[in-house]
Amino acid sequence: MRRNELHKKKWYCADPHFGHDAIVKFCNRPFRNADEADEVILRNLHERVGPADQLWLLGDFALGRRKLDKKWLREMFDRLPGAEQHLIVGNHDDEIIQSLPWTSVSHIAEVRDGAQRQFNTLSHYPMHTWNHARRGAYCLFGHVHDNWLGTRNCVNVGLDVWDFYPVSFDEIEQRSKTLPVNKHWHEVEPGTTIFGEQIDYY
């Protein structure tokens, strides 16, 4: 799927794991339980995502026994901010999650954003290369929680590494400048540079 709506402000996040008590322990989230985590994440989403904006959630919307409660699940969805809520399917997003009234549901999407107006690839999982990677397009991903920030042009937008806030493309671009180049870039995209930079792979 390819989206070309440049006039709409876009926000990105991944892995809220709403209702999932175990993720608090697994990822050392600074909350007492899932209820507290859920409220903080929702508050942070509303703090940034405006009523006319797009929210792109890159997988793992909810998990745990509470996910099976359709009333609770719909209430959580209805609390998401923005004019549009888009789901990039994660490994925990089964038919129950996908059947919620998302604006779109896809396993991968190319979304136009940034000063260069490029189509960036959105996936739940990190990738070595993607469409237009050699032309300045980014890959945005989640899944790995706080285990890895990503590389120069493939950036983790998971809530665990952004203080539980959604992020704009400008923020993603700024962080990318501090990340290392993928050491396999010269194998998957030989003879190319990243954003016109001289690359030192080692």
N, C-alpha and C. Protein backbone atom coordinates (compact mmCIF):
# COMPACT_ATOMS: atom_id res chain seq x y z
N MET A 1 0.84 -1.19 0.00
CA MET A 1 0.00 0.00 0.00
C MET A 1 0.88 1.24 0.00
N ARG A 2 0.47 2.24 -0.76
CA ARG A 2 1.25 3.47 -0.84
C ARG A 2 0.33 4.64 -0.53
N ARG A 3 0.75 5.53 0.41
CA ARG A 3 -0.05 6.68 0.82
C ARG A 3 0.68 7.95 0.43
N ASN A 4 -0.05 8.90 -0.16
CA ASN A 4 0.57 10.09 -0.72
C ASN A 4 -0.09 11.36 -0.18
N GLU A 5 -0.42 11.39 1.11
CA GLU A 5 -1.15 12.50 1.70
C GLU A 5 -0.17 13.41 2.46
N LEU A 6 0.53 14.25 1.72
CA LEU A 6 1.56 15.08 2.32
C LEU A 6 1.00 16.14 3.25
N HIS A 7 -0.24 16.54 3.04
CA HIS A 7 -0.79 17.65 3.80
C HIS A 7 -1.19 17.25 5.22
N LYS A 8 -1.20 15.97 5.51
CA LYS A 8 -1.61 15.51 6.83
C LYS A 8 -0.39 15.21 7.70
N LYS A 9 -0.43 15.70 8.92
CA LYS A 9 0.65 15.43 9.87
C LYS A 9 0.59 13.96 10.28
N LYS A 10 1.74 13.32 10.27
CA LYS A 10 1.81 11.90 10.58
C LYS A 10 2.62 11.67 11.85
N TRP A 11 2.15 10.75 12.67
CA TRP A 11 2.84 10.34 13.88
C TRP A 11 3.02 8.82 13.85
N TYR A 12 4.17 8.37 14.38
CA TYR A 12 4.51 6.95 14.29
C TYR A 12 4.82 6.39 15.68
N CYS A 13 4.38 5.16 15.90
CA CYS A 13 4.74 4.44 17.13
C CYS A 13 4.58 2.95 16.88
N ALA A 14 5.04 2.15 17.82
CA ALA A 14 4.90 0.70 17.70
C ALA A 14 4.87 0.08 19.10
N ASP A 15 4.24 -1.06 19.17
CA ASP A 15 4.29 -1.93 20.36
C ASP A 15 3.72 -1.33 21.64
N PRO A 16 2.51 -0.78 21.61
CA PRO A 16 1.93 -0.37 22.88
C PRO A 16 1.60 -1.54 23.80
N HIS A 17 1.23 -2.68 23.21
CA HIS A 17 0.88 -3.86 24.01
C HIS A 17 -0.16 -3.51 25.07
N PHE A 18 -1.22 -2.83 24.68
CA PHE A 18 -2.26 -2.47 25.63
C PHE A 18 -2.80 -3.72 26.33
N GLY A 19 -2.99 -3.61 27.64
CA GLY A 19 -3.54 -4.69 28.43
C GLY A 19 -2.58 -5.80 28.78
N HIS A 20 -1.31 -5.66 28.47
CA HIS A 20 -0.33 -6.75 28.61
C HIS A 20 0.56 -6.51 29.82
N ASP A 21 0.21 -7.14 30.93
CA ASP A 21 0.99 -6.96 32.16
C ASP A 21 2.42 -7.47 32.01
N ALA A 22 2.61 -8.59 31.29
CA ALA A 22 3.94 -9.20 31.22
C ALA A 22 4.96 -8.30 30.54
N ILE A 23 4.52 -7.46 29.59
CA ILE A 23 5.48 -6.62 28.88
C ILE A 23 6.10 -5.58 29.80
N VAL A 24 5.41 -5.22 30.86
CA VAL A 24 5.97 -4.27 31.83
C VAL A 24 7.24 -4.85 32.43
N LYS A 25 7.21 -6.13 32.74
CA LYS A 25 8.39 -6.80 33.31
C LYS A 25 9.43 -7.10 32.23
N PHE A 26 8.98 -7.64 31.10
CA PHE A 26 9.92 -8.05 30.06
C PHE A 26 10.77 -6.89 29.57
N CYS A 27 10.17 -5.70 29.44
CA CYS A 27 10.87 -4.55 28.89
C CYS A 27 11.25 -3.52 29.96
N ASN A 28 11.10 -3.89 31.22
CA ASN A 28 11.42 -2.97 32.31
C ASN A 28 10.73 -1.62 32.15
N ARG A 29 9.46 -1.67 31.75
CA ARG A 29 8.71 -0.42 31.62
C ARG A 29 8.48 0.19 33.00
N PRO A 30 8.60 1.51 33.14
CA PRO A 30 8.54 2.15 34.46
C PRO A 30 7.12 2.34 34.98
N PHE A 31 6.36 1.24 34.98
CA PHE A 31 4.98 1.30 35.43
C PHE A 31 4.71 0.13 36.38
N ARG A 32 3.68 0.28 37.20
CA ARG A 32 3.32 -0.78 38.14
C ARG A 32 2.66 -1.95 37.43
N ASN A 33 1.88 -1.66 36.41
CA ASN A 33 1.12 -2.70 35.73
C ASN A 33 0.66 -2.17 34.37
N ALA A 34 -0.08 -3.02 33.66
CA ALA A 34 -0.53 -2.64 32.32
C ALA A 34 -1.53 -1.49 32.36
N ASP A 35 -2.37 -1.44 33.40
CA ASP A 35 -3.35 -0.36 33.48
C ASP A 35 -2.66 1.00 33.53
N GLU A 36 -1.60 1.10 34.33
CA GLU A 36 -0.88 2.37 34.42
C GLU A 36 -0.17 2.67 33.10
N ALA A 37 0.44 1.65 32.51
CA ALA A 37 1.13 1.84 31.23
C ALA A 37 0.14 2.30 30.16
N ASP A 38 -1.02 1.68 30.12
CA ASP A 38 -2.03 2.04 29.12
C ASP A 38 -2.42 3.51 29.22
N GLU A 39 -2.65 3.97 30.44
CA GLU A 39 -3.09 5.35 30.64
C GLU A 39 -2.00 6.35 30.26
N VAL A 40 -0.76 6.05 30.60
CA VAL A 40 0.34 6.95 30.25
C VAL A 40 0.52 7.01 28.73
N ILE A 41 0.50 5.85 28.08
CA ILE A 41 0.67 5.83 26.63
C ILE A 41 -0.44 6.59 25.95
N LEU A 42 -1.69 6.38 26.37
CA LEU A 42 -2.81 7.10 25.76
C LEU A 42 -2.71 8.60 26.00
N ARG A 43 -2.30 8.98 27.19
CA ARG A 43 -2.13 10.41 27.49
C ARG A 43 -1.06 11.01 26.59
N ASN A 44 0.05 10.29 26.40
CA ASN A 44 1.13 10.79 25.56
C ASN A 44 0.71 10.87 24.08
N LEU A 45 -0.08 9.91 23.64
CA LEU A 45 -0.58 9.95 22.27
C LEU A 45 -1.44 11.19 22.06
N HIS A 46 -2.32 11.45 23.00
CA HIS A 46 -3.21 12.61 22.86
C HIS A 46 -2.45 13.93 23.00
N GLU A 47 -1.33 13.91 23.70
CA GLU A 47 -0.53 15.13 23.87
C GLU A 47 0.06 15.58 22.54
N ARG A 48 0.31 14.64 21.63
CA ARG A 48 0.99 14.99 20.38
C ARG A 48 0.10 14.87 19.14
N VAL A 49 -0.70 13.86 19.07
CA VAL A 49 -1.49 13.61 17.87
C VAL A 49 -2.73 14.50 17.87
N GLY A 50 -2.82 15.40 16.89
CA GLY A 50 -3.93 16.33 16.81
C GLY A 50 -5.17 15.70 16.19
N PRO A 51 -6.30 16.37 16.29
CA PRO A 51 -7.57 15.80 15.78
C PRO A 51 -7.60 15.63 14.28
N ALA A 52 -6.72 16.31 13.54
CA ALA A 52 -6.69 16.16 12.08
C ALA A 52 -5.53 15.30 11.60
N ASP A 53 -4.76 14.74 12.52
CA ASP A 53 -3.53 14.02 12.19
C ASP A 53 -3.77 12.55 11.90
N GLN A 54 -2.72 11.93 11.33
CA GLN A 54 -2.70 10.48 11.13
C GLN A 54 -1.83 9.84 12.21
N LEU A 55 -2.29 8.72 12.76
CA LEU A 55 -1.50 7.90 13.67
C LEU A 55 -1.20 6.58 12.98
N TRP A 56 0.08 6.31 12.82
CA TRP A 56 0.53 5.04 12.23
C TRP A 56 1.10 4.18 13.35
N LEU A 57 0.43 3.07 13.63
CA LEU A 57 0.83 2.16 14.70
C LEU A 57 1.44 0.92 14.06
N LEU A 58 2.74 0.74 14.28
CA LEU A 58 3.49 -0.30 13.58
C LEU A 58 3.51 -1.62 14.35
N GLY A 59 2.34 -2.07 14.72
CA GLY A 59 2.19 -3.41 15.25
C GLY A 59 2.07 -3.57 16.74
N ASP A 60 1.43 -4.69 17.10
CA ASP A 60 1.24 -5.14 18.48
C ASP A 60 0.42 -4.16 19.30
N PHE A 61 -0.82 -3.99 18.87
CA PHE A 61 -1.73 -3.06 19.52
C PHE A 61 -2.08 -3.50 20.94
N ALA A 62 -2.45 -4.76 21.12
CA ALA A 62 -2.85 -5.24 22.45
C ALA A 62 -2.48 -6.72 22.57
N LEU A 63 -2.34 -7.15 23.82
CA LEU A 63 -1.96 -8.55 24.06
C LEU A 63 -2.43 -8.94 25.46
N GLY A 64 -2.51 -10.24 25.68
CA GLY A 64 -2.94 -10.72 26.99
C GLY A 64 -4.42 -11.12 27.01
N ARG A 65 -4.89 -11.56 28.15
CA ARG A 65 -6.25 -12.05 28.27
C ARG A 65 -7.29 -10.97 28.02
N ARG A 66 -6.97 -9.74 28.35
CA ARG A 66 -7.95 -8.67 28.17
C ARG A 66 -8.26 -8.43 26.70
N LYS A 67 -7.35 -8.79 25.84
CA LYS A 67 -7.58 -8.61 24.40
C LYS A 67 -8.79 -9.40 23.93
N LEU A 68 -9.12 -10.47 24.63
CA LEU A 68 -10.25 -11.31 24.24
C LEU A 68 -11.59 -10.68 24.62
N ASP A 69 -11.55 -9.65 25.44
CA ASP A 69 -12.76 -8.91 25.81
C ASP A 69 -13.03 -7.88 24.71
N LYS A 70 -13.98 -8.16 23.82
CA LYS A 70 -14.20 -7.30 22.66
C LYS A 70 -14.65 -5.90 23.06
N LYS A 71 -15.39 -5.80 24.14
CA LYS A 71 -15.85 -4.49 24.61
C LYS A 71 -14.66 -3.65 25.06
N TRP A 72 -13.78 -4.24 25.86
CA TRP A 72 -12.58 -3.53 26.33
C TRP A 72 -11.70 -3.15 25.14
N LEU A 73 -11.53 -4.09 24.22
CA LEU A 73 -10.65 -3.84 23.08
C LEU A 73 -11.17 -2.67 22.24
N ARG A 74 -12.48 -2.63 22.00
CA ARG A 74 -13.04 -1.54 21.22
C ARG A 74 -12.92 -0.22 21.96
N GLU A 75 -13.09 -0.25 23.28
CA GLU A 75 -12.94 0.98 24.07
C GLU A 75 -11.53 1.51 23.97
N MET A 76 -10.53 0.62 23.98
CA MET A 76 -9.15 1.06 23.84
C MET A 76 -8.91 1.66 22.47
N PHE A 77 -9.44 1.02 21.45
CA PHE A 77 -9.29 1.57 20.10
C PHE A 77 -9.94 2.94 20.00
N ASP A 78 -11.13 3.08 20.55
CA ASP A 78 -11.86 4.35 20.45
C ASP A 78 -11.17 5.49 21.19
N ARG A 79 -10.23 5.16 22.05
CA ARG A 79 -9.49 6.20 22.78
C ARG A 79 -8.26 6.69 22.02
N LEU A 80 -7.96 6.07 20.88
CA LEU A 80 -6.82 6.53 20.08
C LEU A 80 -7.13 7.89 19.47
N PRO A 81 -6.15 8.79 19.46
CA PRO A 81 -6.37 10.12 18.88
C PRO A 81 -6.20 10.14 17.38
N GLY A 82 -6.51 11.28 16.78
CA GLY A 82 -6.27 11.50 15.37
C GLY A 82 -7.51 11.31 14.51
N ALA A 83 -7.43 11.83 13.29
CA ALA A 83 -8.51 11.65 12.33
C ALA A 83 -8.43 10.28 11.68
N GLU A 84 -7.22 9.71 11.61
CA GLU A 84 -7.00 8.40 10.99
C GLU A 84 -6.09 7.57 11.89
N GLN A 85 -6.41 6.29 11.98
CA GLN A 85 -5.58 5.34 12.73
C GLN A 85 -5.26 4.18 11.79
N HIS A 86 -3.98 4.02 11.49
CA HIS A 86 -3.52 3.00 10.54
C HIS A 86 -2.74 1.93 11.28
N LEU A 87 -3.01 0.68 10.97
CA LEU A 87 -2.31 -0.44 11.59
C LEU A 87 -1.38 -1.11 10.59
N ILE A 88 -0.11 -1.22 10.97
CA ILE A 88 0.82 -2.11 10.30
C ILE A 88 0.86 -3.38 11.15
N VAL A 89 0.49 -4.50 10.57
CA VAL A 89 0.24 -5.72 11.35
C VAL A 89 1.53 -6.25 11.96
N GLY A 90 1.47 -6.51 13.27
CA GLY A 90 2.57 -7.12 13.99
C GLY A 90 2.28 -8.58 14.28
N ASN A 91 3.24 -9.27 14.89
CA ASN A 91 3.07 -10.71 15.13
C ASN A 91 1.98 -11.02 16.13
N HIS A 92 1.55 -10.03 16.93
CA HIS A 92 0.47 -10.27 17.89
C HIS A 92 -0.88 -9.71 17.43
N ASP A 93 -0.93 -9.18 16.24
CA ASP A 93 -2.17 -8.56 15.75
C ASP A 93 -2.98 -9.58 14.94
N ASP A 94 -3.77 -10.37 15.65
CA ASP A 94 -4.58 -11.40 15.00
C ASP A 94 -5.85 -10.80 14.41
N GLU A 95 -6.78 -11.65 14.01
CA GLU A 95 -8.00 -11.18 13.37
C GLU A 95 -8.82 -10.28 14.29
N ILE A 96 -8.77 -10.53 15.59
CA ILE A 96 -9.51 -9.69 16.54
C ILE A 96 -9.02 -8.25 16.45
N ILE A 97 -7.71 -8.08 16.41
CA ILE A 97 -7.13 -6.74 16.32
C ILE A 97 -7.40 -6.13 14.94
N GLN A 98 -7.18 -6.92 13.91
CA GLN A 98 -7.32 -6.40 12.55
C GLN A 98 -8.75 -6.03 12.21
N SER A 99 -9.72 -6.61 12.92
CA SER A 99 -11.12 -6.33 12.64
C SER A 99 -11.61 -5.02 13.25
N LEU A 100 -10.80 -4.36 14.05
CA LEU A 100 -11.16 -3.06 14.59
C LEU A 100 -11.25 -2.05 13.43
N PRO A 101 -11.97 -0.96 13.61
CA PRO A 101 -12.22 -0.04 12.48
C PRO A 101 -11.05 0.89 12.14
N TRP A 102 -9.91 0.29 11.83
CA TRP A 102 -8.75 1.05 11.40
C TRP A 102 -9.03 1.74 10.06
N THR A 103 -8.37 2.84 9.83
CA THR A 103 -8.45 3.48 8.52
C THR A 103 -7.84 2.59 7.45
N SER A 104 -6.76 1.90 7.80
CA SER A 104 -6.15 0.92 6.90
C SER A 104 -5.46 -0.14 7.74
N VAL A 105 -5.35 -1.32 7.17
CA VAL A 105 -4.62 -2.43 7.79
C VAL A 105 -3.73 -3.04 6.71
N SER A 106 -2.43 -3.12 6.97
CA SER A 106 -1.52 -3.70 5.99
C SER A 106 -0.31 -4.27 6.71
N HIS A 107 0.36 -5.20 6.07
CA HIS A 107 1.58 -5.77 6.64
C HIS A 107 2.79 -4.90 6.36
N ILE A 108 2.71 -4.12 5.31
CA ILE A 108 3.78 -3.19 4.96
C ILE A 108 3.15 -2.03 4.19
N ALA A 109 3.69 -0.85 4.35
CA ALA A 109 3.15 0.31 3.65
C ALA A 109 4.28 1.25 3.29
N GLU A 110 4.09 1.99 2.21
CA GLU A 110 5.00 3.07 1.83
C GLU A 110 4.26 4.38 2.03
N VAL A 111 4.77 5.20 2.92
CA VAL A 111 4.08 6.42 3.33
C VAL A 111 4.99 7.61 3.06
N ARG A 112 4.46 8.61 2.36
CA ARG A 112 5.26 9.78 1.99
C ARG A 112 5.34 10.74 3.16
N ASP A 113 6.58 11.12 3.51
CA ASP A 113 6.80 12.04 4.62
C ASP A 113 8.21 12.59 4.52
N GLY A 114 8.46 13.71 5.20
CA GLY A 114 9.79 14.28 5.22
C GLY A 114 10.01 15.38 4.20
N ALA A 115 11.07 16.14 4.40
CA ALA A 115 11.36 17.27 3.53
C ALA A 115 11.64 16.84 2.09
N GLN A 116 12.15 15.62 1.93
CA GLN A 116 12.47 15.12 0.59
C GLN A 116 11.27 14.46 -0.09
N ARG A 117 10.14 14.41 0.63
CA ARG A 117 8.89 13.87 0.08
C ARG A 117 9.02 12.44 -0.41
N GLN A 118 9.88 11.66 0.27
CA GLN A 118 10.11 10.30 -0.15
C GLN A 118 9.06 9.35 0.45
N PHE A 119 8.88 8.21 -0.23
CA PHE A 119 8.02 7.15 0.29
C PHE A 119 8.84 6.27 1.22
N ASN A 120 8.60 6.37 2.52
CA ASN A 120 9.29 5.56 3.50
C ASN A 120 8.51 4.26 3.74
N THR A 121 9.25 3.19 4.01
CA THR A 121 8.63 1.89 4.22
C THR A 121 8.35 1.66 5.69
N LEU A 122 7.11 1.29 6.00
CA LEU A 122 6.68 1.00 7.36
C LEU A 122 6.45 -0.50 7.49
N SER A 123 7.10 -1.10 8.47
CA SER A 123 7.00 -2.53 8.70
C SER A 123 7.09 -2.79 10.20
N HIS A 124 6.46 -3.85 10.66
CA HIS A 124 6.63 -4.19 12.08
C HIS A 124 8.05 -4.63 12.36
N TYR A 125 8.71 -5.17 11.35
CA TYR A 125 10.03 -5.77 11.53
C TYR A 125 11.13 -4.96 10.84
N PRO A 126 12.32 -4.91 11.42
CA PRO A 126 13.44 -4.22 10.76
C PRO A 126 13.85 -4.96 9.49
N MET A 127 14.40 -4.20 8.56
CA MET A 127 14.77 -4.75 7.25
C MET A 127 16.18 -4.30 6.88
N HIS A 128 16.83 -5.09 6.01
CA HIS A 128 18.13 -4.69 5.50
C HIS A 128 18.01 -3.71 4.34
N THR A 129 17.02 -3.92 3.50
CA THR A 129 16.78 -2.98 2.41
C THR A 129 15.30 -3.00 2.07
N TRP A 130 14.85 -2.01 1.28
CA TRP A 130 13.44 -1.80 0.99
C TRP A 130 13.33 -0.92 -0.24
N ASN A 131 12.14 -0.71 -0.72
CA ASN A 131 11.95 0.07 -1.93
C ASN A 131 12.50 1.50 -1.76
N HIS A 132 13.28 1.93 -2.72
CA HIS A 132 13.89 3.27 -2.73
C HIS A 132 14.86 3.53 -1.58
N ALA A 133 15.37 2.48 -0.96
CA ALA A 133 16.35 2.66 0.11
C ALA A 133 17.58 3.42 -0.38
N ARG A 134 17.99 3.14 -1.61
CA ARG A 134 19.18 3.79 -2.16
C ARG A 134 18.89 5.21 -2.63
N ARG A 135 17.61 5.64 -2.55
CA ARG A 135 17.23 6.99 -2.96
C ARG A 135 16.81 7.85 -1.78
N GLY A 136 17.17 7.45 -0.58
CA GLY A 136 16.91 8.28 0.59
C GLY A 136 15.68 7.92 1.39
N ALA A 137 14.99 6.83 1.04
CA ALA A 137 13.82 6.42 1.81
C ALA A 137 14.24 5.67 3.06
N TYR A 138 13.51 5.89 4.12
CA TYR A 138 13.75 5.22 5.39
C TYR A 138 12.90 3.97 5.52
N CYS A 139 13.31 3.10 6.43
CA CYS A 139 12.47 2.03 6.95
C CYS A 139 12.18 2.35 8.41
N LEU A 140 10.92 2.31 8.80
CA LEU A 140 10.51 2.48 10.20
C LEU A 140 9.95 1.16 10.69
N PHE A 141 10.31 0.79 11.91
CA PHE A 141 9.93 -0.53 12.41
C PHE A 141 9.69 -0.50 13.92
N GLY A 142 9.23 -1.65 14.42
CA GLY A 142 9.04 -1.86 15.86
C GLY A 142 9.57 -3.24 16.22
N HIS A 143 8.76 -4.02 16.94
CA HIS A 143 8.99 -5.43 17.25
C HIS A 143 10.08 -5.70 18.27
N VAL A 144 11.21 -5.02 18.18
CA VAL A 144 12.35 -5.36 19.04
C VAL A 144 12.33 -4.61 20.37
N HIS A 145 11.32 -3.79 20.58
CA HIS A 145 11.16 -3.03 21.83
C HIS A 145 12.42 -2.20 22.11
N ASP A 146 13.06 -2.41 23.27
CA ASP A 146 14.21 -1.58 23.64
C ASP A 146 15.54 -2.28 23.37
N ASN A 147 15.53 -3.32 22.54
CA ASN A 147 16.76 -4.09 22.30
C ASN A 147 17.69 -3.45 21.28
N TRP A 148 17.14 -2.60 20.40
CA TRP A 148 17.96 -2.08 19.29
C TRP A 148 17.32 -0.83 18.73
N LEU A 149 18.10 0.23 18.58
CA LEU A 149 17.57 1.49 18.06
C LEU A 149 17.47 1.52 16.54
N GLY A 150 18.25 0.67 15.89
CA GLY A 150 18.24 0.64 14.43
C GLY A 150 19.54 1.13 13.84
N THR A 151 19.47 1.57 12.57
CA THR A 151 20.65 2.02 11.85
C THR A 151 20.38 3.38 11.23
N ARG A 152 21.32 3.85 10.44
CA ARG A 152 21.26 5.20 9.90
C ARG A 152 19.98 5.48 9.12
N ASN A 153 19.46 4.47 8.44
CA ASN A 153 18.26 4.70 7.63
C ASN A 153 17.14 3.71 7.92
N CYS A 154 17.25 2.97 9.00
CA CYS A 154 16.22 2.03 9.43
C CYS A 154 16.04 2.20 10.94
N VAL A 155 14.97 2.88 11.33
CA VAL A 155 14.87 3.42 12.70
C VAL A 155 13.70 2.79 13.46
N ASN A 156 13.99 2.40 14.69
CA ASN A 156 12.99 1.84 15.60
C ASN A 156 12.08 2.96 16.10
N VAL A 157 10.77 2.84 15.85
CA VAL A 157 9.81 3.83 16.36
C VAL A 157 8.99 3.27 17.52
N GLY A 158 9.47 2.19 18.12
CA GLY A 158 8.77 1.58 19.25
C GLY A 158 8.67 2.52 20.44
N LEU A 159 7.55 2.45 21.13
CA LEU A 159 7.32 3.33 22.27
C LEU A 159 8.38 3.17 23.36
N ASP A 160 8.96 1.97 23.48
CA ASP A 160 9.95 1.74 24.54
C ASP A 160 11.21 2.57 24.37
N VAL A 161 11.51 3.02 23.16
CA VAL A 161 12.74 3.79 22.95
C VAL A 161 12.46 5.26 22.65
N TRP A 162 11.20 5.68 22.85
CA TRP A 162 10.84 7.09 22.66
C TRP A 162 10.07 7.62 23.86
N ASP A 163 10.40 7.11 25.04
CA ASP A 163 9.75 7.58 26.28
C ASP A 163 8.23 7.47 26.21
N PHE A 164 7.76 6.47 25.45
CA PHE A 164 6.33 6.16 25.36
C PHE A 164 5.51 7.26 24.70
N TYR A 165 6.17 7.98 23.78
CA TYR A 165 5.51 9.00 22.96
C TYR A 165 5.54 8.57 21.49
N PRO A 166 4.54 8.98 20.71
CA PRO A 166 4.65 8.85 19.25
C PRO A 166 5.65 9.88 18.74
N VAL A 167 6.20 9.63 17.56
CA VAL A 167 7.23 10.53 17.05
C VAL A 167 6.91 10.99 15.63
N SER A 168 7.42 12.16 15.30
CA SER A 168 7.27 12.71 13.95
C SER A 168 8.46 12.28 13.11
N PHE A 169 8.34 12.48 11.79
CA PHE A 169 9.45 12.13 10.92
C PHE A 169 10.68 12.99 11.21
N ASP A 170 10.48 14.24 11.58
CA ASP A 170 11.61 15.11 11.90
C ASP A 170 12.42 14.53 13.05
N GLU A 171 11.74 14.01 14.07
CA GLU A 171 12.44 13.41 15.21
C GLU A 171 13.17 12.14 14.79
N ILE A 172 12.52 11.35 13.96
CA ILE A 172 13.14 10.12 13.46
C ILE A 172 14.41 10.45 12.68
N GLU A 173 14.33 11.46 11.83
CA GLU A 173 15.47 11.86 11.01
C GLU A 173 16.63 12.35 11.88
N GLN A 174 16.32 13.10 12.92
CA GLN A 174 17.37 13.58 13.82
C GLN A 174 18.06 12.43 14.54
N ARG A 175 17.27 11.47 15.03
CA ARG A 175 17.90 10.33 15.71
C ARG A 175 18.73 9.51 14.75
N SER A 176 18.27 9.38 13.52
CA SER A 176 18.99 8.54 12.56
C SER A 176 20.44 9.00 12.37
N LYS A 177 20.67 10.28 12.51
CA LYS A 177 22.02 10.82 12.32
C LYS A 177 22.99 10.33 13.39
N THR A 178 22.46 9.84 14.52
CA THR A 178 23.30 9.35 15.61
C THR A 178 23.51 7.84 15.56
N LEU A 179 22.85 7.16 14.62
CA LEU A 179 22.88 5.70 14.57
C LEU A 179 23.94 5.22 13.58
N PRO A 180 24.45 4.01 13.79
CA PRO A 180 25.48 3.48 12.89
C PRO A 180 24.90 3.03 11.56
N VAL A 181 25.75 2.99 10.56
CA VAL A 181 25.37 2.43 9.27
C VAL A 181 25.24 0.92 9.41
N ASN A 182 24.24 0.34 8.76
CA ASN A 182 24.09 -1.11 8.72
C ASN A 182 25.35 -1.73 8.12
N LYS A 183 25.99 -2.62 8.86
CA LYS A 183 27.26 -3.19 8.38
C LYS A 183 27.07 -4.08 7.16
N HIS A 184 25.84 -4.43 6.82
CA HIS A 184 25.58 -5.25 5.64
C HIS A 184 25.15 -4.41 4.43
N TRP A 185 25.14 -3.08 4.59
CA TRP A 185 24.64 -2.23 3.51
C TRP A 185 25.40 -2.46 2.20
N HIS A 186 26.71 -2.62 2.30
CA HIS A 186 27.52 -2.80 1.09
C HIS A 186 27.26 -4.14 0.41
N GLU A 187 26.63 -5.07 1.13
CA GLU A 187 26.28 -6.35 0.54
C GLU A 187 24.91 -6.30 -0.14
N VAL A 188 23.95 -5.62 0.50
CA VAL A 188 22.59 -5.60 -0.06
C VAL A 188 22.38 -4.48 -1.06
N GLU A 189 23.15 -3.40 -0.94
CA GLU A 189 23.04 -2.27 -1.88
C GLU A 189 24.45 -1.85 -2.31
N PRO A 190 25.18 -2.73 -3.00
CA PRO A 190 26.58 -2.43 -3.35
C PRO A 190 26.71 -1.21 -4.23
N GLY A 191 27.75 -0.45 -3.96
CA GLY A 191 28.06 0.71 -4.78
C GLY A 191 27.20 1.93 -4.51
N THR A 192 26.43 1.91 -3.42
CA THR A 192 25.57 3.05 -3.10
C THR A 192 25.98 3.67 -1.77
N THR A 193 25.54 4.90 -1.57
CA THR A 193 25.76 5.58 -0.30
C THR A 193 24.42 5.76 0.41
N ILE A 194 24.47 6.17 1.66
CA ILE A 194 23.27 6.48 2.42
C ILE A 194 23.19 7.98 2.58
N PHE A 195 22.19 8.60 1.99
CA PHE A 195 22.00 10.04 2.05
C PHE A 195 23.23 10.79 1.53
N GLY A 196 23.93 10.17 0.56
CA GLY A 196 25.08 10.82 -0.05
C GLY A 196 26.32 10.84 0.81
N GLU A 197 26.31 10.09 1.93
CA GLU A 197 27.46 10.10 2.84
C GLU A 197 28.50 9.07 2.42
N GLN A 198 29.75 9.38 2.68
CA GLN A 198 30.81 8.38 2.56
C GLN A 198 30.63 7.38 3.68
N ILE A 199 30.59 6.09 3.36
CA ILE A 199 30.26 5.07 4.36
C ILE A 199 31.51 4.30 4.78
N ASP A 200 31.69 4.23 6.09
CA ASP A 200 32.74 3.39 6.66
C ASP A 200 32.01 2.22 7.33
N TYR A 201 32.08 1.05 6.73
CA TYR A 201 31.30 -0.10 7.22
C TYR A 201 31.90 -0.72 8.47
N TYR A 202 33.15 -0.50 8.67
CA TYR A 202 33.82 -1.15 9.77
C TYR A 202 34.37 -0.10 10.68
